[in-house]
Each structure stands twice: as structure tokens, then as C-alpha cells.
Protein backbone atom coordinates (compact mmCIF):
# COMPACT_ATOMS: atom_id res chain seq x y z
CA MET A 1 -3.30 25.27 12.61
CA ASP A 2 -3.88 23.32 15.70
CA ASP A 3 -2.97 19.54 16.06
CA GLN A 4 -6.50 18.02 15.66
CA THR A 5 -7.08 19.94 12.41
CA ARG A 6 -3.67 18.74 11.22
CA ILE A 7 -4.38 15.20 12.05
CA GLU A 8 -7.62 15.70 10.29
CA LEU A 9 -6.45 17.25 7.10
CA GLU A 10 -3.65 14.36 7.14
CA ALA A 11 -6.22 11.65 7.32
CA ALA A 12 -8.50 13.02 4.53
CA ALA A 13 -5.33 13.34 2.47
CA PHE A 14 -4.63 9.53 3.23
CA ARG A 15 -8.06 8.47 2.61
CA ARG A 16 -8.09 10.14 -0.88
CA LEU A 17 -4.80 8.58 -1.75
CA ARG A 18 -6.35 5.30 -1.14
CA GLN A 19 -9.60 5.87 -2.96
CA HIS A 20 -7.14 6.94 -6.02
CA LEU A 21 -5.19 4.02 -5.67
CA MET A 22 -8.18 1.55 -5.03
CA GLU A 23 -10.69 3.13 -6.97
CA GLU A 24 -9.77 5.39 -9.56
CA ARG A 25 -6.28 3.56 -10.81
CA THR A 26 -6.78 -0.12 -10.30
CA ASP A 27 -4.95 -0.27 -13.96
CA VAL A 28 -1.71 1.15 -12.09
CA GLN A 29 0.29 -2.13 -10.85
CA ASN A 30 1.86 -2.19 -7.63
CA ILE A 31 5.10 -3.12 -9.18
CA ASP A 32 4.92 -0.02 -11.14
CA ILE A 33 4.39 2.33 -8.13
CA MET A 34 7.21 0.76 -6.20
CA ASN A 35 9.67 0.87 -9.26
CA LEU A 36 8.62 4.43 -9.32
CA ALA A 37 8.06 5.64 -5.88
CA GLY A 38 9.45 3.08 -3.64
CA PHE A 39 6.32 2.11 -2.00
CA CYS A 40 3.00 0.63 -3.00
CA ARG A 41 -0.61 -0.32 -1.76
CA ASN A 42 0.97 -3.30 0.33
CA CYS A 43 3.33 -0.60 1.91
CA LEU A 44 0.75 1.40 2.60
CA SER A 45 -1.36 -1.39 4.36
CA ARG A 46 1.99 -2.68 6.02
CA TRP A 47 2.25 1.16 7.41
CA TYR A 48 -1.44 0.82 8.39
CA GLN A 49 -0.70 -2.53 10.21
CA GLU A 50 2.17 -1.00 12.10
CA ALA A 51 0.23 2.31 13.40
CA ALA A 52 -2.54 -0.33 14.75
CA ASN A 53 -0.13 -2.57 16.34
CA ALA A 54 1.65 0.56 17.93
CA ARG A 55 -1.38 1.47 19.40
CA GLY A 56 -1.98 -2.07 20.91
CA ILE A 57 -4.49 -3.01 18.12
CA ASP A 58 -3.84 -6.81 17.12
CA MET A 59 -3.70 -6.78 13.46
CA ASP A 60 -1.99 -9.38 10.72
CA LYS A 61 -0.70 -8.52 7.35
CA GLU A 62 -3.67 -9.90 5.75
CA GLN A 63 -6.06 -7.98 7.98
CA ALA A 64 -4.36 -4.72 7.29
CA ARG A 65 -4.39 -5.50 3.48
CA GLU A 66 -8.21 -6.27 3.40
CA ILE A 67 -8.77 -3.14 5.20
CA PHE A 68 -6.74 -1.04 2.85
CA TYR A 69 -7.75 -2.96 -0.46
CA GLY A 70 -11.18 -3.39 0.81
CA MET A 71 -11.27 -6.84 -0.44
CA PRO A 72 -9.10 -10.15 0.35
CA MET A 73 -5.76 -9.69 -1.46
CA SER A 74 -6.48 -12.77 -3.50
CA GLU A 75 -9.48 -10.95 -5.05
CA TRP A 76 -7.39 -7.70 -5.78
CA LYS A 77 -5.06 -9.98 -7.64
CA ALA A 78 -7.54 -11.80 -9.59
CA ASN A 79 -9.26 -8.64 -10.47
CA TYR A 80 -6.41 -6.29 -11.13
CA GLN A 81 -3.17 -7.55 -11.23
CA THR A 82 -1.37 -8.31 -14.23
CA ASP A 83 2.09 -10.23 -15.18
CA ALA A 84 4.97 -7.99 -14.96
CA SER A 85 7.82 -8.38 -17.52
CA PRO A 86 11.29 -9.40 -16.77
CA ASP A 87 12.52 -6.03 -16.82
CA THR A 88 10.03 -4.89 -14.53
CA GLN A 89 10.51 -7.79 -12.08
CA ALA A 90 14.22 -6.90 -12.27
CA ALA A 91 13.61 -3.13 -11.25
CA PHE A 92 11.38 -4.06 -8.47
CA GLU A 93 13.81 -6.47 -6.95
CA LYS A 94 16.38 -3.44 -6.93
CA SER A 95 13.60 -1.11 -5.59
CA PHE A 96 12.34 -3.36 -2.99
CA SER A 97 15.43 -4.00 -1.63
CA GLU A 98 16.35 -0.31 -1.22
CA ASN A 99 13.06 0.67 0.10
CA VAL A 100 11.64 -2.24 2.14
CA GLY A 101 14.24 -4.81 2.27
CA SER A 102 13.47 -6.89 5.55
CA LYS A 103 10.72 -4.68 6.62
CA GLY A 104 8.36 -6.41 4.25
């Protein structure tokens, strides 16, 4: 497989992951994804921002989140985010510390 085909396949897989998380599984909370997998939608948008910045594209966290979420973060939260239990929040603190730390 040539590099261009590999890049196109990776991009297609990323777009499919984004569609799954943003359109098909809006019921799955970021905190639950982070607790199980060590990353969430916000991590994906941060990685997108970091990739843009590395290529000289000026993009801040909120711009990246709006691109990734397809709407402002405040709108996403109002439409889809639910309250997390104290146990879930405690698990998140541990997962965030281990997986994101000072990067976030």
C-alpha cells in the first residue's frame, strides 16, 4: 500500500469514528469514554488542534472542539451531557491524571 492510500484510509477511519461518536452514540458520555479508554471526544479535538498547530494553522481549543463536535461545546453539553455520579467523577480524575495530565 502506498503512503497516500494509507493516509486516505486513516482519514476515512477517523471520520467514521467521529461520526459514530458525534451522531450515532451521543448517549455515551465523554467521562465514560475517558474512564474506559483513556481518551474522549475532547482528546480527539485536542489532537486535531495539535495537528493543525504543528502545520502552522492557528487554531485554539474552542475552534477545534467546534470543528470536531459540529457545534459549540456549550451547545453539545446542553443537548447531550448528563451529570456524572461521584464514583464516575472519581474514576475520571484518576483516568485524566494517567492519560492526559498537564496536556489537557
